Protein backbone atom coordinates (compact mmCIF):
# COMPACT_ATOMS: atom_id res chain seq x y z
CA MET A 1 29.79 -18.54 -7.70
CA ASP A 2 32.74 -16.46 -8.95
CA ALA A 3 32.19 -13.05 -7.34
CA LEU A 4 35.48 -11.76 -8.79
CA LEU A 5 34.10 -11.71 -12.34
CA ASN A 6 31.13 -9.47 -11.59
CA PRO A 7 30.48 -8.69 -7.91
CA THR A 8 27.20 -6.89 -8.59
CA GLU A 9 25.70 -9.85 -10.44
CA ALA A 10 27.05 -12.29 -7.86
CA TYR A 11 25.42 -10.44 -4.97
CA LEU A 12 22.09 -10.02 -6.74
CA THR A 13 21.85 -13.68 -7.73
CA ALA A 14 22.94 -14.76 -4.22
CA VAL A 15 19.86 -13.02 -2.80
CA LEU A 16 17.67 -14.59 -5.49
CA GLU A 17 19.07 -18.05 -4.70
CA CYS A 18 18.33 -17.58 -0.99
CA GLU A 19 14.73 -16.74 -1.86
CA GLU A 20 14.48 -19.86 -4.01
CA ALA A 21 15.86 -22.10 -1.27
CA GLY A 22 13.54 -20.56 1.32
CA THR A 23 16.33 -19.04 3.42
CA ASP A 24 16.56 -15.45 4.60
CA PRO A 25 19.00 -13.39 2.47
CA LEU A 26 21.02 -12.05 5.36
CA ARG A 27 24.45 -10.51 4.88
CA ALA A 28 26.09 -13.50 6.61
CA ARG A 29 24.51 -15.91 4.13
CA ILE A 30 25.55 -13.73 1.19
CA ALA A 31 29.12 -13.78 2.56
CA GLU A 32 29.05 -17.59 2.56
CA ARG A 33 27.76 -17.74 -1.00
CA VAL A 34 30.11 -15.23 -2.61
CA GLY A 35 33.15 -16.01 -0.47
CA HIS A 36 33.72 -12.45 0.73
CA ALA A 37 34.48 -11.20 4.22
CA PRO A 38 31.48 -9.81 6.14
CA SER A 39 32.94 -6.29 6.03
CA THR A 40 33.21 -6.49 2.23
CA VAL A 41 29.64 -7.77 1.97
CA THR A 42 28.39 -4.85 4.08
CA GLN A 43 30.23 -2.31 1.91
CA THR A 44 29.03 -3.90 -1.33
CA ALA A 45 25.44 -4.23 -0.11
CA ASN A 46 25.41 -0.58 0.89
CA ARG A 47 26.67 0.37 -2.56
CA LEU A 48 23.95 -1.70 -4.23
CA ILE A 49 21.35 -0.03 -2.00
CA ARG A 50 22.61 3.39 -3.11
CA ASN A 51 22.48 2.21 -6.73
CA GLY A 52 18.84 1.15 -6.40
CA LEU A 53 19.37 -2.62 -6.70
CA PHE A 54 18.80 -3.63 -3.05
CA TYR A 55 16.56 -2.17 -0.39
CA THR A 56 16.04 -2.86 3.28
CA VAL A 57 13.10 -2.48 5.65
CA PRO A 58 13.50 -0.97 9.15
CA GLY A 59 13.73 -3.75 11.71
CA ASP A 60 14.36 -6.37 9.02
CA ARG A 61 17.95 -7.53 8.49
CA ARG A 62 17.20 -9.19 5.13
CA LEU A 63 18.33 -7.77 1.80
CA HIS A 64 15.55 -7.31 -0.74
CA LEU A 65 15.83 -6.96 -4.51
CA THR A 66 14.33 -3.92 -6.19
CA VAL A 67 12.54 -4.51 -9.49
CA GLU A 68 15.69 -3.56 -11.40
CA GLY A 69 17.87 -5.71 -9.13
CA ARG A 70 15.53 -8.65 -9.72
CA ARG A 71 15.63 -8.11 -13.50
CA ILE A 72 19.42 -8.31 -13.50
CA ALA A 73 19.48 -11.33 -11.17
CA LEU A 74 16.90 -13.23 -13.24
CA ARG A 75 18.81 -12.60 -16.48
CA VAL A 76 22.01 -13.92 -14.89
CA MET A 77 20.20 -16.94 -13.44
CA ARG A 78 18.64 -17.66 -16.84
CA LYS A 79 22.07 -17.59 -18.52
CA HIS A 80 23.57 -19.76 -15.79
CA ARG A 81 20.92 -22.47 -16.06
CA LEU A 82 20.88 -22.44 -19.84
CA ALA A 83 24.67 -22.86 -19.74
CA GLU A 84 24.24 -25.85 -17.39
CA CYS A 85 21.81 -27.45 -19.86
CA LEU A 86 24.22 -26.86 -22.74
CA LEU A 87 27.18 -28.24 -20.81
CA VAL A 88 25.42 -31.38 -19.56
CA ASP A 89 22.89 -32.23 -22.27
CA THR A 90 24.77 -31.15 -25.40
CA ILE A 91 28.48 -31.07 -24.60
CA GLY A 92 28.25 -34.04 -22.21
CA LEU A 93 30.13 -32.53 -19.27
CA GLU A 94 29.65 -34.48 -16.04
CA TRP A 95 27.06 -32.78 -13.87
CA GLU A 96 29.42 -32.45 -10.91
CA TRP A 97 31.47 -29.98 -12.99
CA ALA A 98 28.71 -28.13 -14.82
CA HIS A 99 27.56 -25.80 -12.05
CA ASP A 100 30.99 -24.29 -11.42
CA GLU A 101 31.68 -23.97 -15.15
CA ALA A 102 28.31 -22.28 -15.72
CA SER A 103 29.13 -19.84 -12.91
CA ARG A 104 31.91 -18.52 -15.15
CA TRP A 105 29.84 -18.58 -18.34
CA GLU A 106 26.91 -16.66 -16.85
CA HIS A 107 28.92 -13.43 -16.77
CA ALA A 108 30.31 -13.79 -20.28
CA ILE A 109 27.23 -14.86 -22.29
CA GLY A 110 25.48 -11.95 -24.01
CA ASP A 111 21.70 -11.65 -24.18
CA THR A 112 21.56 -12.55 -27.88
CA THR A 113 23.79 -15.59 -27.38
CA ALA A 114 21.68 -16.74 -24.44
CA GLU A 115 18.57 -16.73 -26.59
CA ARG A 116 20.37 -18.65 -29.35
CA ILE A 117 21.33 -21.26 -26.76
CA ALA A 118 17.71 -21.41 -25.54
CA ALA A 119 16.49 -21.98 -29.10
CA LEU A 120 19.16 -24.62 -29.75
CA LEU A 121 18.05 -26.49 -26.62
CA GLN A 122 14.36 -26.06 -27.53
CA HIS A 123 13.70 -23.73 -24.60
CA PRO A 124 14.26 -26.01 -21.59
CA GLU A 125 12.21 -25.21 -18.50
CA ARG A 126 14.52 -26.76 -15.89
CA SER A 127 18.24 -27.10 -15.36
CA PRO A 128 19.95 -30.51 -15.04
CA TYR A 129 19.60 -30.03 -11.28
CA GLY A 130 15.83 -29.63 -11.50
CA ASN A 131 15.67 -25.87 -10.94
CA PRO A 132 13.24 -23.77 -13.01
CA ILE A 133 14.78 -21.58 -15.70
CA PRO A 134 13.27 -18.09 -15.72
CA SER A 135 11.80 -17.25 -19.10
CA LEU A 136 13.01 -14.19 -20.98
CA ALA A 137 9.66 -12.48 -20.34
CA GLU A 138 9.88 -13.22 -16.60
CA ALA A 139 13.40 -11.83 -16.48
CA GLU A 140 12.47 -8.65 -18.37
CA ARG A 141 9.63 -7.78 -15.99
CA GLY A 142 11.46 -8.80 -12.80
CA ALA A 143 8.92 -11.49 -11.95
CA ALA A 144 8.99 -13.87 -9.02
CA LEU A 145 10.93 -17.07 -9.61
CA PRO A 146 9.08 -19.89 -11.35
CA PRO A 147 7.97 -22.27 -8.59
CA HIS A 148 9.26 -25.71 -7.76
CA ASP A 149 6.64 -28.42 -7.60
CA PRO A 150 4.21 -26.90 -5.06
CA HIS A 151 4.30 -30.14 -3.08
CA ALA A 152 8.10 -30.25 -2.86
CA MET A 153 9.84 -29.96 0.49
CA ASN A 154 13.40 -30.48 1.54
CA ALA A 155 14.40 -34.05 2.30
CA LEU A 156 14.94 -33.39 5.99
CA ARG A 157 11.44 -32.02 6.48
CA ARG A 158 9.89 -34.88 4.53
CA THR A 159 11.21 -37.40 7.02
CA PHE A 160 9.03 -35.75 9.66
CA ASP A 161 5.95 -35.28 7.48
CA ALA A 162 5.70 -38.48 5.42
CA ASP A 163 5.87 -42.25 5.78
CA PRO A 164 9.37 -43.34 4.65
CA ALA A 165 7.76 -46.32 2.90
CA ASP A 166 6.00 -43.94 0.51
CA PRO A 167 8.06 -43.28 -2.63
CA ALA A 168 8.90 -39.70 -3.53
CA GLU A 169 10.35 -37.92 -6.54
CA LEU A 170 13.63 -36.06 -6.39
CA VAL A 171 12.65 -32.60 -7.62
CA ALA A 172 15.71 -30.37 -7.37
CA LEU A 173 19.05 -29.64 -5.78
CA SER A 174 19.64 -26.14 -4.47
CA GLU A 175 22.49 -23.96 -5.73
CA THR A 176 24.38 -24.81 -2.53
CA ALA A 177 24.02 -28.55 -3.16
CA GLN A 178 25.20 -28.08 -6.75
CA SER A 179 28.51 -26.78 -5.42
CA ASP A 180 29.02 -29.97 -3.41
CA ARG A 181 30.94 -32.04 -5.96
CA GLU A 182 31.23 -35.14 -3.76
CA LEU A 183 27.47 -35.11 -3.21
CA LEU A 184 26.78 -34.91 -6.95
CA VAL A 185 29.20 -37.78 -7.63
CA ALA A 186 27.40 -39.86 -4.99
CA PHE A 187 24.01 -39.16 -6.57
CA GLY A 188 25.41 -40.09 -9.97
CA ARG A 189 26.80 -43.40 -8.72
CA ALA A 190 23.44 -44.22 -7.13
CA GLY A 191 21.65 -43.44 -10.40
CA ILE A 192 19.64 -40.64 -8.79
CA ARG A 193 18.83 -37.44 -10.70
CA PRO A 194 15.88 -35.03 -10.65
CA GLY A 195 12.83 -36.97 -11.76
CA THR A 196 14.00 -40.23 -10.16
CA CYS A 197 11.54 -42.06 -7.90
CA VAL A 198 13.24 -42.41 -4.51
CA ARG A 199 12.73 -43.45 -0.91
CA VAL A 200 13.68 -41.01 1.84
CA GLU A 201 14.32 -42.05 5.43
CA ARG A 202 16.06 -40.77 8.53
CA HIS A 203 19.67 -41.82 8.94
CA GLY A 204 21.26 -40.68 12.19
CA THR A 205 20.86 -36.91 12.29
CA GLY A 206 20.50 -36.76 8.51
CA VAL A 207 18.75 -38.56 5.69
CA ARG A 208 19.36 -41.49 3.35
CA ILE A 209 17.98 -41.36 -0.20
CA GLU A 210 17.87 -44.38 -2.51
CA ARG A 211 16.09 -45.34 -5.69
CA ALA A 212 12.62 -46.75 -5.04
CA GLN A 213 12.78 -50.46 -5.80
CA GLY A 214 11.06 -53.71 -4.93
CA ALA A 215 11.66 -55.25 -1.51
CA ALA A 216 13.94 -57.95 -2.96
CA GLU A 217 16.19 -55.33 -4.54
CA ARG A 218 16.43 -52.95 -1.59
CA ALA A 219 19.00 -54.92 0.39
CA ASP A 220 21.74 -54.10 -2.11
CA ALA A 221 20.39 -50.73 -3.21
CA ALA A 222 22.92 -47.95 -3.61
CA GLY A 223 21.91 -44.89 -1.65
CA VAL A 224 23.18 -41.44 -0.73
CA GLU A 225 23.59 -40.43 2.90
CA LEU A 226 23.07 -36.73 3.55
CA ASP A 227 23.99 -34.88 6.69
CA HIS A 228 21.57 -32.40 8.26
CA ALA A 229 22.79 -29.43 6.18
CA GLN A 230 22.86 -31.34 2.89
CA ALA A 231 19.37 -32.77 3.42
CA ALA A 232 18.02 -29.22 3.75
CA GLN A 233 19.28 -28.47 0.22
CA VAL A 234 17.69 -31.47 -1.56
CA PHE A 235 14.03 -31.16 -2.52
CA VAL A 236 11.59 -34.04 -2.98
CA ALA A 237 7.84 -34.30 -3.60
């Protein structure tokens, strides 16, 4: 995320992305996402609270979006994910580059242009990384994010809750995972994208994901090894 282009939008969408990934939007996490020092995050967050875009609750260290803050964040997220679809599905940019490129486009695309892109792409519902694209109506009313598959859980949790022999479907990669270029390259080499049927199993302190195949094919199957932090950012169902 390029917080230099539009700090307000970057901070608002950072909170929205934390909500989507199921992590608490604390100032320290926002600092990690936007690449600003903690003192800068505190100053900016306080300004956004004064401007009616964030609010806080006594005794709760999380940042919360007001309705107006959510409207802005959803519009930016919509533009970002539409740009990812355009870059990957129409222009043919490799998916390991699309997220960072879309992070620049999201601040420059006007509302009218965004809707022309949506129409050109026949109104996609998910980004190339499997994340739901807020509709224009959802963005205008400041709605909650469209849900992932209700049965989806991160890959690390699945290894505790499911038999590794049972195939799963790769549902989505979080915004954090999308910034991990080496991880995206590894998924691409293994032929694994959202919608792929996979097997998920513990590997050391992390997880290994590979395409679900017959027993005879598994010995040479290409897989992706995720460490503990990466596995928490990859969602399967």
